[in-house]
Amino acid sequence: MNLKSLAKDTAIYGLSSIVGRFLNYLLVPVYTRVIMAESGGYGIVTNLYAYTALLLALLTFGMETTLFRFCNKDGEDEKLVYSTILRMVGGVAVLFFALVMLFLQPIAGAMGYAEHPEYIGCMAAIVALDAFQAIMFSRLRQQKRPVKFMMLKFAFIIPNILLNLFIFLVLPKMGAAHPELMEIFVKYNYGVGLVFFANLLCTGLVTFGFAKEMKGITYGFDGSLAKRLLTYSWPLLILSLVGVFNQVADKILYPLVDKSPKGMVQLGIYGACVKIAMIMALLTQAFRYAYEPIVFSGSRDKNSPETLADGMKYFVIFTLLAFLAVVIYLPLIQLIIGGDYRAGMAVVPIVMMAEIFMGIYFNLSFWYKLSDQTLWGAVMSAIGALVMVAVNILGIPRLGYMACAWGGFAGYATAMLLSYFIGQKKYPIKYDMRMILGFFAFAMIIFAGYTALGRTELGQWPMMAIGTVLLLAYCVAVWKLVIRR
């Protein structure tokens, strides 16, 4: 495995993913201080973006991974594969947007936004554009062009942040001199609705950065190729839908299960705290962007199982390090969100561990992707989703948003275990389980000890000092047993 190449690409993709998301996180203090928890405004943001993520998986229907697989297959015309996929996804995106606009009012009413159908229309346009762009972003990854990938990601992130800061920090102050601006601010849930319009504007602008990639649509369309692409991708569609559903179902289900006025308020608190836990999602995403092209390009040689085993080991060890760091310094990290939202901080360790399980499941998923047995992925993800939904529906009335955290934990753990045991029979890979389980046990001992210590009367700073020593002990173990080895 070319670890140097993996590290280099991970760093660049990580810059656009982790740094980009971090910059977006700077909006969380603004949202959670300007939008009061009791208003439920942040619950609207959390709820609609959950729908957006699910719809994006539907509109790309597994074609991102399919692009990697077929562009690296012997005998396939790489340009024709790209063009065919781009046309398919683009056509579906246009059809989706047209249908939503045609039935906008009933859709908005069913989702609970009858008073603001424009929110739904705006989000439909965003999803359609994002789906089309997703294929072009995948093309950049497949061609190993991380710099342009990073630049286009920032071309959305920076203007979007600036517009959000204008909406929440500048626009209210301008309202004193310009009452018409304040009317707009109030009309759209005190700026919450304007967030979606800002997103649409920035997404549209990024499209122009794909001028060269969009020319690929002229390479042609092959009907027989399209059928083979769909045959490969439809299980991935189910897999992707179920995978994203696992990530966002709690945010969709919560206001449906808890229909009280407090439902959207509680969802806003949960959504804000989950933002802190999402550091695991950032690490997994950055790792995936760099790792997926390497695995598929190496799938022709006999070293691919070794590549998968190495990737799994490094992923688990270093995400556990991130988990411990966040848990230990949580008293400082929680200052990111407003005081009204910190009541939900107990979900952070649970959601972070669920994200680690999800990342492990992603790494395990290559056995069925490389062996073209993608149906297994759909089945295992569906079982995990059923577990997660059951925990949410049964638990929310009793546990509130804590049920959402435990639902994700249980769902990802189920899918992860199924993938490992079935994969070892269908596509055996010699993972270094001794090393992986050893570091996992070490990390959990540190976590349990630190949590128990937190129940004593030690102050915040002494606790973090002890935690720092424990974190250094973990780092020393990584250095001696992994890096220097």
Protein backbone atom coordinates (compact mmCIF):
# COMPACT_ATOMS: atom_id res chain seq x y z
CA MET A 1 0.00 0.00 0.00
CA ASN A 2 1.34 3.44 -0.96
CA LEU A 3 0.93 5.07 2.43
CA LYS A 4 2.77 8.20 1.29
CA SER A 5 0.23 8.76 -1.48
CA LEU A 6 -2.64 8.00 0.89
CA ALA A 7 -1.34 10.44 3.48
CA LYS A 8 -0.78 13.19 0.89
CA ASP A 9 -4.24 12.89 -0.65
CA THR A 10 -5.89 12.53 2.74
CA ALA A 11 -4.22 15.78 3.81
CA ILE A 12 -5.53 17.65 0.76
CA TYR A 13 -9.01 16.17 0.88
CA GLY A 14 -8.98 16.68 4.61
CA LEU A 15 -8.18 20.35 4.10
CA SER A 16 -11.34 20.77 2.07
CA SER A 17 -13.45 18.47 4.24
CA ILE A 18 -12.20 19.00 7.78
CA VAL A 19 -11.06 22.61 7.51
CA GLY A 20 -14.09 23.41 5.38
CA ARG A 21 -16.47 21.86 7.88
CA PHE A 22 -14.57 23.54 10.69
CA LEU A 23 -15.18 26.90 9.05
CA ASN A 24 -18.85 25.98 8.80
CA TYR A 25 -18.73 25.06 12.48
CA LEU A 26 -17.90 28.68 13.14
CA LEU A 27 -21.51 29.33 12.19
CA VAL A 28 -22.75 27.06 14.97
CA PRO A 29 -21.89 29.62 17.71
CA VAL A 30 -23.78 32.20 15.64
CA TYR A 31 -26.81 29.98 15.08
CA THR A 32 -27.00 28.80 18.69
CA ARG A 33 -26.64 32.29 20.13
CA VAL A 34 -28.81 34.25 17.72
CA ILE A 35 -31.45 31.52 17.28
CA MET A 36 -32.81 30.80 20.74
CA ALA A 37 -33.34 27.12 21.49
CA GLU A 38 -36.94 27.71 22.56
CA SER A 39 -37.83 29.13 19.14
CA GLY A 40 -37.21 25.78 17.43
CA GLY A 41 -35.48 27.61 14.56
CA TYR A 42 -32.37 25.48 14.67
CA GLY A 43 -34.65 22.45 14.65
CA ILE A 44 -35.92 23.59 11.23
CA VAL A 45 -32.35 23.79 9.90
CA THR A 46 -31.54 20.36 11.34
CA ASN A 47 -34.73 18.79 9.97
CA LEU A 48 -34.53 20.15 6.40
CA TYR A 49 -30.85 19.40 5.95
CA ALA A 50 -31.57 15.83 7.05
CA TYR A 51 -34.08 15.50 4.22
CA THR A 52 -31.53 17.02 1.85
CA ALA A 53 -28.89 14.42 2.68
CA LEU A 54 -31.35 11.57 2.13
CA LEU A 55 -32.55 12.97 -1.20
CA LEU A 56 -28.98 13.50 -2.39
CA ALA A 57 -28.28 9.80 -1.90
CA LEU A 58 -31.44 9.02 -3.89
CA LEU A 59 -30.55 11.31 -6.80
CA THR A 60 -26.96 10.06 -7.16
CA PHE A 61 -28.21 6.41 -6.89
CA GLY A 62 -24.80 4.87 -6.21
CA MET A 63 -23.16 6.35 -9.31
CA GLU A 64 -20.23 7.89 -7.43
CA THR A 65 -18.82 4.49 -6.49
CA THR A 66 -19.95 3.04 -9.85
CA LEU A 67 -17.84 5.66 -11.61
CA PHE A 68 -14.70 4.45 -9.80
CA ARG A 69 -15.46 0.81 -10.47
CA PHE A 70 -16.16 1.08 -14.21
CA CYS A 71 -13.48 3.66 -15.02
CA ASN A 72 -10.92 1.17 -13.68
CA LYS A 73 -12.36 -1.90 -15.41
CA ASP A 74 -10.44 -3.44 -18.29
CA GLY A 75 -12.13 -2.89 -21.64
CA GLU A 76 -14.26 0.07 -20.54
CA ASP A 77 -14.11 3.47 -22.26
CA GLU A 78 -13.42 5.78 -19.33
CA LYS A 79 -14.81 8.89 -21.04
CA LEU A 80 -17.97 7.11 -22.16
CA VAL A 81 -18.54 5.79 -18.63
CA TYR A 82 -18.24 9.30 -17.21
CA SER A 83 -20.51 10.87 -19.84
CA THR A 84 -23.18 8.20 -19.49
CA ILE A 85 -23.26 8.56 -15.71
CA LEU A 86 -23.30 12.36 -15.91
CA ARG A 87 -26.27 12.30 -18.27
CA MET A 88 -28.17 9.79 -16.15
CA VAL A 89 -27.73 11.67 -12.90
CA GLY A 90 -28.35 15.05 -14.54
CA GLY A 91 -31.58 13.82 -16.13
CA VAL A 92 -32.90 12.39 -12.87
CA ALA A 93 -32.02 15.62 -11.03
CA VAL A 94 -33.96 17.76 -13.53
CA LEU A 95 -36.98 15.44 -13.33
CA PHE A 96 -36.90 15.49 -9.53
CA PHE A 97 -36.84 19.30 -9.38
CA ALA A 98 -39.69 19.58 -11.90
CA LEU A 99 -41.89 17.17 -9.92
CA VAL A 100 -41.26 18.93 -6.61
CA MET A 101 -42.16 22.31 -8.08
CA LEU A 102 -45.28 20.82 -9.68
CA PHE A 103 -46.53 19.43 -6.34
CA LEU A 104 -44.83 21.98 -4.08
CA GLN A 105 -47.78 22.91 -1.85
CA PRO A 106 -48.92 19.38 -0.91
CA ILE A 107 -45.31 18.26 -0.35
CA ALA A 108 -44.63 21.26 1.90
CA GLY A 109 -47.83 20.59 3.85
CA ALA A 110 -46.97 16.93 4.38
CA MET A 111 -43.53 17.87 5.70
CA GLY A 112 -44.97 20.45 8.11
CA TYR A 113 -43.92 23.54 6.17
CA ALA A 114 -47.24 24.64 4.68
CA GLU A 115 -46.52 28.24 5.69
CA HIS A 116 -43.15 28.21 3.93
CA PRO A 117 -43.31 26.09 0.77
CA GLU A 118 -40.45 28.19 -0.60
CA TYR A 119 -38.12 26.38 1.82
CA ILE A 120 -38.98 23.07 0.14
CA GLY A 121 -38.58 24.48 -3.39
CA CYS A 122 -35.23 25.97 -2.46
CA MET A 123 -33.98 22.72 -0.96
CA ALA A 124 -35.15 20.77 -4.03
CA ALA A 125 -33.03 23.04 -6.26
CA ILE A 126 -30.03 22.61 -3.94
CA VAL A 127 -30.33 18.81 -3.97
CA ALA A 128 -30.64 18.68 -7.76
CA LEU A 129 -27.52 20.80 -8.25
CA ASP A 130 -25.59 18.90 -5.57
CA ALA A 131 -26.39 15.57 -7.23
CA PHE A 132 -25.10 16.77 -10.60
CA GLN A 133 -21.98 18.23 -8.97
CA ALA A 134 -21.38 15.03 -6.98
CA ILE A 135 -20.53 13.12 -10.17
CA MET A 136 -18.09 15.82 -11.25
CA PHE A 137 -16.48 15.86 -7.81
CA SER A 138 -16.13 12.08 -8.10
CA ARG A 139 -14.50 12.54 -11.49
CA LEU A 140 -11.91 14.82 -9.91
CA ARG A 141 -11.21 12.19 -7.24
CA GLN A 142 -11.02 9.42 -9.83
CA GLN A 143 -8.51 11.48 -11.83
CA LYS A 144 -6.64 12.24 -8.57
CA ARG A 145 -7.03 15.99 -8.83
CA PRO A 146 -7.42 16.90 -5.16
CA VAL A 147 -6.33 20.54 -5.55
CA LYS A 148 -9.22 21.50 -7.84
CA PHE A 149 -11.52 19.44 -5.64
CA MET A 150 -10.41 21.48 -2.64
CA MET A 151 -10.72 24.82 -4.46
CA LEU A 152 -14.28 24.13 -5.57
CA LYS A 153 -15.28 23.01 -2.09
CA PHE A 154 -13.97 26.27 -0.67
CA ALA A 155 -15.68 28.20 -3.46
CA PHE A 156 -18.94 27.14 -1.79
CA ILE A 157 -17.89 27.21 1.86
CA ILE A 158 -16.42 30.71 2.11
CA PRO A 159 -19.22 32.67 0.34
CA ASN A 160 -21.83 30.65 2.24
CA ILE A 161 -20.23 31.52 5.58
CA LEU A 162 -20.03 35.19 4.67
CA LEU A 163 -23.68 35.27 3.62
CA ASN A 164 -24.74 33.57 6.86
CA LEU A 165 -22.77 36.05 8.92
CA PHE A 166 -24.47 38.86 7.01
CA ILE A 167 -27.91 37.35 7.62
CA PHE A 168 -27.54 36.90 11.37
CA LEU A 169 -25.08 39.62 12.42
CA VAL A 170 -25.51 42.47 9.95
CA LEU A 171 -29.08 42.27 8.65
CA PRO A 172 -30.78 42.69 12.08
CA LYS A 173 -28.73 45.82 12.73
CA MET A 174 -29.64 47.24 9.33
CA GLY A 175 -33.30 46.66 10.18
CA ALA A 176 -33.39 49.73 12.41
CA ALA A 177 -32.73 52.02 9.45
CA HIS A 178 -34.46 49.83 6.85
CA PRO A 179 -37.70 48.35 8.25
CA GLU A 180 -38.31 46.44 5.02
CA LEU A 181 -35.18 44.37 5.68
CA MET A 182 -36.36 43.55 9.18
CA GLU A 183 -39.69 42.44 7.74
CA ILE A 184 -37.85 39.98 5.50
CA PHE A 185 -35.75 38.77 8.44
CA VAL A 186 -38.83 38.17 10.60
CA LYS A 187 -40.87 36.64 7.75
CA TYR A 188 -38.34 33.87 7.24
CA ASN A 189 -38.25 32.64 10.86
CA TYR A 190 -35.84 35.34 12.01
CA GLY A 191 -33.26 34.55 9.35
CA VAL A 192 -33.52 30.76 9.45
CA GLY A 193 -35.20 30.53 6.03
CA LEU A 194 -32.62 32.85 4.48
CA VAL A 195 -29.96 30.22 5.25
CA PHE A 196 -31.45 28.00 2.52
CA PHE A 197 -31.48 30.79 -0.06
CA ALA A 198 -27.83 31.55 0.68
CA ASN A 199 -27.00 27.88 0.21
CA LEU A 200 -28.75 27.78 -3.17
CA LEU A 201 -26.91 30.86 -4.40
CA CYS A 202 -23.49 29.48 -3.43
CA THR A 203 -24.25 26.03 -4.85
CA GLY A 204 -25.26 27.59 -8.14
CA LEU A 205 -22.06 29.62 -8.33
CA VAL A 206 -19.88 26.53 -7.82
CA THR A 207 -21.44 24.94 -10.90
CA PHE A 208 -19.56 27.42 -13.09
CA GLY A 209 -16.30 26.05 -11.71
CA PHE A 210 -17.06 22.72 -13.40
CA ALA A 211 -16.99 24.18 -16.93
CA LYS A 212 -14.32 21.70 -18.07
CA GLU A 213 -15.91 18.69 -16.37
CA MET A 214 -19.35 19.51 -17.78
CA LYS A 215 -17.95 19.17 -21.30
CA GLY A 216 -17.64 15.48 -20.53
CA ILE A 217 -21.38 15.19 -21.12
CA THR A 218 -20.61 15.40 -24.85
CA TYR A 219 -18.61 12.16 -24.83
CA GLY A 220 -21.79 10.24 -25.60
CA PHE A 221 -24.32 7.87 -24.07
CA ASP A 222 -24.34 4.09 -24.31
CA GLY A 223 -27.62 2.35 -23.50
CA SER A 224 -26.11 -1.08 -22.94
CA LEU A 225 -23.46 0.47 -20.70
CA ALA A 226 -26.19 2.30 -18.77
CA LYS A 227 -27.91 -1.03 -18.06
CA ARG A 228 -24.68 -2.52 -16.73
CA LEU A 229 -24.08 0.58 -14.63
CA LEU A 230 -27.56 0.33 -13.13
CA THR A 231 -27.17 -3.39 -12.48
CA TYR A 232 -24.06 -2.63 -10.45
CA SER A 233 -25.39 0.52 -8.78
CA TRP A 234 -28.94 -0.34 -7.71
CA PRO A 235 -27.79 -2.29 -4.65
CA LEU A 236 -25.46 0.64 -3.93
CA LEU A 237 -28.48 2.95 -4.16
CA ILE A 238 -30.22 0.93 -1.46
CA LEU A 239 -26.97 0.79 0.49
CA SER A 240 -26.45 4.55 0.18
CA LEU A 241 -30.06 5.37 1.04
CA VAL A 242 -30.00 3.14 4.08
CA GLY A 243 -26.57 4.44 5.09
CA VAL A 244 -27.65 8.08 4.88
CA PHE A 245 -30.98 7.21 6.48
CA ASN A 246 -29.02 5.84 9.43
CA GLN A 247 -27.29 9.21 9.71
CA VAL A 248 -30.34 11.44 9.38
CA ALA A 249 -33.38 9.35 10.34
CA ASP A 250 -33.25 10.53 13.94
CA LYS A 251 -33.52 14.14 12.74
CA ILE A 252 -36.42 13.23 10.45
CA LEU A 253 -38.21 10.92 12.89
CA TYR A 254 -37.96 13.09 16.00
CA PRO A 255 -40.60 15.71 15.07
CA LEU A 256 -42.80 12.92 13.67
CA VAL A 257 -42.68 10.92 16.92
CA ASP A 258 -42.67 13.91 19.28
CA LYS A 259 -45.33 16.18 17.79
CA SER A 260 -45.49 18.41 20.85
CA PRO A 261 -44.42 22.07 20.58
CA LYS A 262 -41.19 21.05 22.29
CA GLY A 263 -40.34 18.49 19.60
CA MET A 264 -38.58 20.92 17.27
CA VAL A 265 -36.90 22.59 20.26
CA GLN A 266 -35.43 19.29 21.44
CA LEU A 267 -34.37 18.46 17.89
CA GLY A 268 -32.51 21.77 17.73
CA ILE A 269 -30.62 20.97 20.96
CA TYR A 270 -29.74 17.50 19.71
CA GLY A 271 -28.70 18.81 16.28
CA ALA A 272 -26.39 21.41 17.82
CA CYS A 273 -24.65 18.87 20.10
CA VAL A 274 -24.29 16.36 17.27
CA LYS A 275 -22.27 18.98 15.40
CA ILE A 276 -19.49 18.48 17.94
CA ALA A 277 -19.60 14.72 17.51
CA MET A 278 -19.35 15.06 13.74
CA ILE A 279 -15.56 15.31 13.88
CA MET A 280 -15.67 11.54 13.33
CA ALA A 281 -17.72 12.00 10.18
CA LEU A 282 -15.12 14.49 8.93
CA LEU A 283 -12.24 12.09 9.51
CA THR A 284 -14.14 9.25 7.84
CA GLN A 285 -15.02 11.40 4.85
CA ALA A 286 -11.47 12.67 4.34
CA PHE A 287 -10.13 9.12 4.64
CA ARG A 288 -12.75 7.85 2.19
CA TYR A 289 -12.01 10.49 -0.46
CA ALA A 290 -8.36 9.48 -0.59
CA TYR A 291 -8.77 5.77 0.14
CA GLU A 292 -11.55 4.78 -2.28
CA PRO A 293 -9.70 5.62 -5.55
CA ILE A 294 -6.57 3.82 -4.28
CA VAL A 295 -8.50 0.65 -3.43
CA PHE A 296 -10.33 0.49 -6.73
CA SER A 297 -7.24 1.26 -8.80
CA GLY A 298 -5.45 -1.51 -6.91
CA SER A 299 -8.28 -4.01 -7.15
CA ARG A 300 -6.63 -5.75 -10.10
CA ASP A 301 -3.61 -6.87 -8.12
CA LYS A 302 -3.23 -9.43 -5.37
CA ASN A 303 -2.22 -6.91 -2.75
CA SER A 304 -5.69 -5.40 -2.45
CA PRO A 305 -6.68 -7.45 0.65
CA GLU A 306 -3.48 -6.28 2.33
CA THR A 307 -4.36 -2.69 1.40
CA LEU A 308 -7.78 -3.10 3.00
CA ALA A 309 -6.30 -4.62 6.15
CA ASP A 310 -3.79 -1.79 6.55
CA GLY A 311 -6.43 0.85 5.96
CA MET A 312 -8.71 -0.63 8.59
CA LYS A 313 -5.95 -0.74 11.21
CA TYR A 314 -4.88 2.87 10.71
CA PHE A 315 -8.47 4.10 10.57
CA VAL A 316 -9.49 2.51 13.87
CA ILE A 317 -6.35 3.53 15.74
CA PHE A 318 -6.41 7.18 14.72
CA THR A 319 -10.17 7.71 15.03
CA LEU A 320 -9.99 6.34 18.57
CA LEU A 321 -7.34 8.95 19.24
CA ALA A 322 -9.71 11.65 17.99
CA PHE A 323 -12.52 10.19 20.12
CA LEU A 324 -10.42 10.41 23.29
CA ALA A 325 -9.25 13.94 22.47
CA VAL A 326 -12.81 15.23 22.03
CA VAL A 327 -14.07 13.50 25.20
CA ILE A 328 -11.19 14.84 27.31
CA TYR A 329 -11.44 18.42 26.06
CA LEU A 330 -15.24 18.49 25.81
CA PRO A 331 -15.56 21.18 28.54
CA LEU A 332 -13.73 23.55 26.19
CA ILE A 333 -15.16 22.25 22.91
CA GLN A 334 -18.73 22.64 24.17
CA LEU A 335 -18.24 26.41 24.24
CA ILE A 336 -18.73 26.25 20.47
CA ILE A 337 -22.49 26.13 21.00
CA GLY A 338 -24.70 28.51 22.93
CA GLY A 339 -25.55 27.85 26.57
CA ASP A 340 -29.21 27.04 25.74
CA TYR A 341 -28.07 24.00 23.75
CA ARG A 342 -25.50 22.44 26.10
CA ALA A 343 -28.06 20.35 27.95
CA GLY A 344 -27.59 17.70 25.27
CA MET A 345 -23.81 17.21 25.58
CA ALA A 346 -24.28 13.67 26.93
CA VAL A 347 -25.00 12.49 23.37
CA VAL A 348 -21.54 13.43 22.09
CA PRO A 349 -19.52 10.30 23.13
CA ILE A 350 -22.33 7.99 22.01
CA VAL A 351 -22.69 9.62 18.59
CA MET A 352 -18.93 9.71 18.11
CA MET A 353 -18.62 5.99 18.78
CA ALA A 354 -21.51 5.38 16.39
CA GLU A 355 -19.55 7.33 13.75
CA ILE A 356 -16.50 5.14 14.38
CA PHE A 357 -18.67 2.07 13.82
CA MET A 358 -19.94 3.65 10.61
CA GLY A 359 -16.37 4.29 9.45
CA ILE A 360 -15.38 0.70 10.20
CA TYR A 361 -18.44 -0.46 8.29
CA PHE A 362 -17.35 1.69 5.34
CA ASN A 363 -13.89 0.10 5.39
CA LEU A 364 -15.44 -3.36 5.62
CA SER A 365 -17.73 -2.55 2.69
CA PHE A 366 -14.98 -2.95 0.10
CA TRP A 367 -15.24 -6.74 0.19
CA TYR A 368 -18.62 -6.70 -1.52
CA LYS A 369 -17.80 -3.74 -3.78
CA LEU A 370 -14.62 -5.34 -5.14
CA SER A 371 -16.28 -8.74 -5.56
CA ASP A 372 -19.39 -7.20 -7.19
CA GLN A 373 -21.64 -8.55 -4.41
CA THR A 374 -23.17 -5.17 -3.60
CA LEU A 375 -26.53 -6.71 -2.72
CA TRP A 376 -24.99 -7.83 0.56
CA GLY A 377 -24.29 -4.22 1.44
CA ALA A 378 -27.90 -3.27 0.89
CA VAL A 379 -29.15 -6.14 3.06
CA MET A 380 -26.79 -5.44 5.96
CA SER A 381 -27.44 -1.71 5.89
CA ALA A 382 -31.19 -2.31 5.82
CA ILE A 383 -30.97 -4.52 8.91
CA GLY A 384 -28.93 -1.84 10.68
CA ALA A 385 -31.50 0.79 9.69
CA LEU A 386 -34.36 -1.28 11.06
CA VAL A 387 -32.55 -1.58 14.39
CA MET A 388 -31.93 2.15 14.47
CA VAL A 389 -35.53 3.06 13.59
CA ALA A 390 -36.87 0.66 16.24
CA VAL A 391 -34.69 2.20 18.94
CA ASN A 392 -35.78 5.71 17.90
CA ILE A 393 -39.51 4.99 17.75
CA LEU A 394 -39.56 3.04 21.00
CA GLY A 395 -37.08 5.23 22.83
CA ILE A 396 -37.94 8.84 21.92
CA PRO A 397 -41.14 8.98 24.03
CA ARG A 398 -39.15 7.80 27.08
CA LEU A 399 -35.59 9.02 26.54
CA GLY A 400 -36.01 11.98 24.20
CA TYR A 401 -33.02 12.75 22.02
CA MET A 402 -30.84 10.28 23.94
CA ALA A 403 -32.76 7.56 22.06
CA CYS A 404 -31.54 9.12 18.81
CA ALA A 405 -27.92 8.75 19.91
CA TRP A 406 -28.36 5.14 21.06
CA GLY A 407 -30.31 4.33 17.91
CA GLY A 408 -27.38 5.30 15.69
CA PHE A 409 -24.99 3.40 17.95
CA ALA A 410 -27.07 0.20 17.78
CA GLY A 411 -27.74 0.47 14.05
CA TYR A 412 -24.12 1.00 12.99
CA ALA A 413 -22.87 -1.66 15.40
CA THR A 414 -25.28 -4.18 13.89
CA ALA A 415 -24.28 -3.42 10.29
CA MET A 416 -20.58 -3.43 11.20
CA LEU A 417 -20.70 -6.85 12.86
CA LEU A 418 -22.75 -8.38 10.07
CA SER A 419 -20.34 -7.06 7.44
CA TYR A 420 -17.31 -8.41 9.25
CA PHE A 421 -18.58 -11.95 9.84
CA ILE A 422 -20.23 -12.36 6.43
CA GLY A 423 -17.25 -10.75 4.68
CA GLN A 424 -14.81 -13.17 6.27
CA LYS A 425 -16.72 -16.00 4.59
CA LYS A 426 -17.33 -14.36 1.22
CA TYR A 427 -14.08 -12.38 0.75
CA PRO A 428 -11.61 -13.26 3.55
CA ILE A 429 -9.26 -10.47 4.58
CA LYS A 430 -6.64 -10.92 7.30
CA TYR A 431 -7.29 -7.87 9.45
CA ASP A 432 -4.85 -7.32 12.28
CA MET A 433 -7.55 -7.98 14.87
CA ARG A 434 -5.05 -8.32 17.70
CA MET A 435 -3.79 -4.79 17.10
CA ILE A 436 -7.24 -3.34 16.40
CA LEU A 437 -8.95 -4.89 19.41
CA GLY A 438 -5.97 -4.12 21.61
CA PHE A 439 -6.13 -0.39 20.85
CA PHE A 440 -9.91 -0.39 21.10
CA ALA A 441 -9.75 -1.96 24.56
CA PHE A 442 -7.01 0.49 25.63
CA ALA A 443 -9.09 3.46 24.44
CA MET A 444 -12.21 2.19 26.22
CA ILE A 445 -10.29 1.69 29.47
CA ILE A 446 -9.07 5.30 29.26
CA PHE A 447 -12.59 6.50 28.46
CA ALA A 448 -14.19 4.53 31.31
CA GLY A 449 -11.56 5.65 33.80
CA TYR A 450 -11.83 9.28 32.75
CA THR A 451 -15.64 9.15 32.90
CA ALA A 452 -15.55 7.62 36.39
CA LEU A 453 -13.11 10.30 37.49
CA GLY A 454 -15.55 12.91 36.23
CA ARG A 455 -18.07 11.82 38.86
CA THR A 456 -15.69 12.93 41.62
CA GLU A 457 -15.32 16.46 42.92
CA LEU A 458 -12.24 17.23 40.87
CA GLY A 459 -12.44 20.52 39.01
CA GLN A 460 -12.59 20.96 35.26
CA TRP A 461 -8.93 21.88 34.78
CA PRO A 462 -7.46 19.09 36.95
CA MET A 463 -9.68 16.65 35.05
CA MET A 464 -8.38 17.83 31.68
CA ALA A 465 -4.79 17.69 32.98
CA ILE A 466 -5.24 14.04 33.94
CA GLY A 467 -6.97 13.42 30.63
CA THR A 468 -4.02 14.93 28.77
CA VAL A 469 -1.65 12.49 30.46
CA LEU A 470 -3.93 9.59 29.48
CA LEU A 471 -4.09 10.87 25.90
CA LEU A 472 -0.29 11.08 25.75
CA ALA A 473 -0.11 7.48 26.98
CA TYR A 474 -2.30 6.44 24.04
CA CYS A 475 -0.10 8.43 21.65
CA VAL A 476 3.04 6.77 22.99
CA ALA A 477 1.46 3.36 22.40
CA VAL A 478 0.62 4.36 18.80
CA TRP A 479 4.16 5.60 18.23
CA LYS A 480 5.84 2.49 19.57
CA LEU A 481 3.48 -0.19 18.27
CA VAL A 482 2.33 1.30 14.93
CA ILE A 483 4.48 4.12 13.59
CA ARG A 484 7.94 2.88 14.56
CA ARG A 485 7.06 -0.73 13.85
